[in-house]
Protein backbone atom coordinates (compact mmCIF):
# COMPACT_ATOMS: atom_id res chain seq x y z
CA MET A 1 0.01 0.03 0.00
CA SER A 2 1.35 3.41 -0.96
CA ASP A 3 0.49 6.72 0.69
CA LYS A 4 0.93 8.43 -2.61
CA LEU A 5 -2.23 9.82 -4.19
CA PRO A 6 -3.12 9.10 -7.76
CA VAL A 7 -3.13 11.96 -10.35
CA VAL A 8 -6.82 12.64 -11.00
CA ASN A 9 -8.52 15.16 -13.19
CA ALA A 10 -12.00 16.56 -12.59
CA ARG A 11 -13.69 14.28 -15.08
CA GLN A 12 -12.23 11.20 -13.42
CA MET A 13 -13.27 12.47 -9.94
CA VAL A 14 -16.89 13.08 -11.08
CA ARG A 15 -17.02 9.59 -12.50
CA VAL A 16 -15.86 8.12 -9.13
CA LEU A 17 -18.37 10.24 -7.14
CA GLU A 18 -21.18 9.10 -9.43
CA GLN A 19 -20.08 5.45 -8.96
CA LEU A 20 -20.31 5.99 -5.18
CA GLY A 21 -23.84 7.35 -5.47
CA PHE A 22 -23.14 11.13 -5.25
CA GLN A 23 -25.29 13.41 -7.29
CA ARG A 24 -24.51 16.95 -8.50
CA ILE A 25 -26.87 19.27 -6.61
CA ARG A 26 -25.64 22.60 -7.98
CA GLN A 27 -22.83 24.32 -9.80
CA SER A 28 -21.59 27.88 -9.46
CA GLY A 29 -19.07 28.71 -12.19
CA SER A 30 -16.45 25.96 -12.24
CA HIS A 31 -17.29 24.60 -8.81
CA ALA A 32 -19.78 21.71 -8.65
CA THR A 33 -21.27 20.50 -5.35
CA TYR A 34 -21.93 16.79 -5.05
CA ARG A 35 -24.12 15.19 -2.24
CA HIS A 36 -24.69 11.63 -1.22
CA PRO A 37 -28.08 10.43 0.06
CA ASP A 38 -26.47 9.72 3.51
CA GLY A 39 -25.49 13.43 3.87
CA ARG A 40 -21.81 13.47 2.78
CA TRP A 41 -20.95 16.19 0.31
CA THR A 42 -17.95 17.72 -1.39
CA ILE A 43 -17.05 20.35 -3.98
CA VAL A 44 -15.10 19.63 -7.19
CA SER A 45 -13.46 22.38 -9.16
CA ILE A 46 -14.04 21.62 -12.85
CA HIS A 47 -11.25 22.99 -14.98
CA ALA A 48 -10.74 21.36 -18.36
CA GLY A 49 -7.45 19.52 -18.78
CA LYS A 50 -6.06 20.22 -15.33
CA THR A 51 -5.38 17.73 -12.59
CA ILE A 52 -6.82 18.24 -9.05
CA PRO A 53 -3.98 19.55 -6.75
CA SER A 54 -2.99 17.04 -4.04
CA GLY A 55 -4.24 19.15 -1.12
CA THR A 56 -7.68 19.54 -2.74
CA LEU A 57 -7.72 15.83 -3.62
CA ARG A 58 -6.99 14.99 0.09
CA LYS A 59 -9.95 17.13 1.11
CA ILE A 60 -12.27 15.51 -1.40
CA ILE A 61 -11.16 12.09 -0.25
CA ARG A 62 -11.75 13.03 3.38
CA ASP A 63 -15.17 14.51 2.52
CA ILE A 64 -16.38 11.35 0.70
CA GLY A 65 -14.96 8.89 3.18
CA VAL A 66 -12.61 6.80 1.08
CA SER A 67 -8.91 6.16 1.31
CA GLY A 68 -6.34 6.88 -1.39
CA GLU A 69 -6.09 3.13 -2.10
CA GLN A 70 -9.88 2.87 -2.50
CA LEU A 71 -9.82 5.81 -4.88
CA ARG A 72 -7.14 4.14 -6.94
CA GLU A 73 -9.30 1.01 -7.26
CA LEU A 74 -12.38 3.11 -8.38
CA LEU A 75 -10.47 4.83 -11.10
């Protein structure tokens, strides 16, 4: 198991969120808010062609309740 986070772009992150049951509830500019039926939620910054910075990715992972390893498996 590696502590290193995968390199993920916004499109890949949205696909993972939807696999986990999250739904987009609103979008303001380039920031989309996703919520799960159990109450978890997160915000993904959608910028074409750019990867999600590691600090932001850690926050999203913490918000949705998965580990870096689980995220790697979902990609």
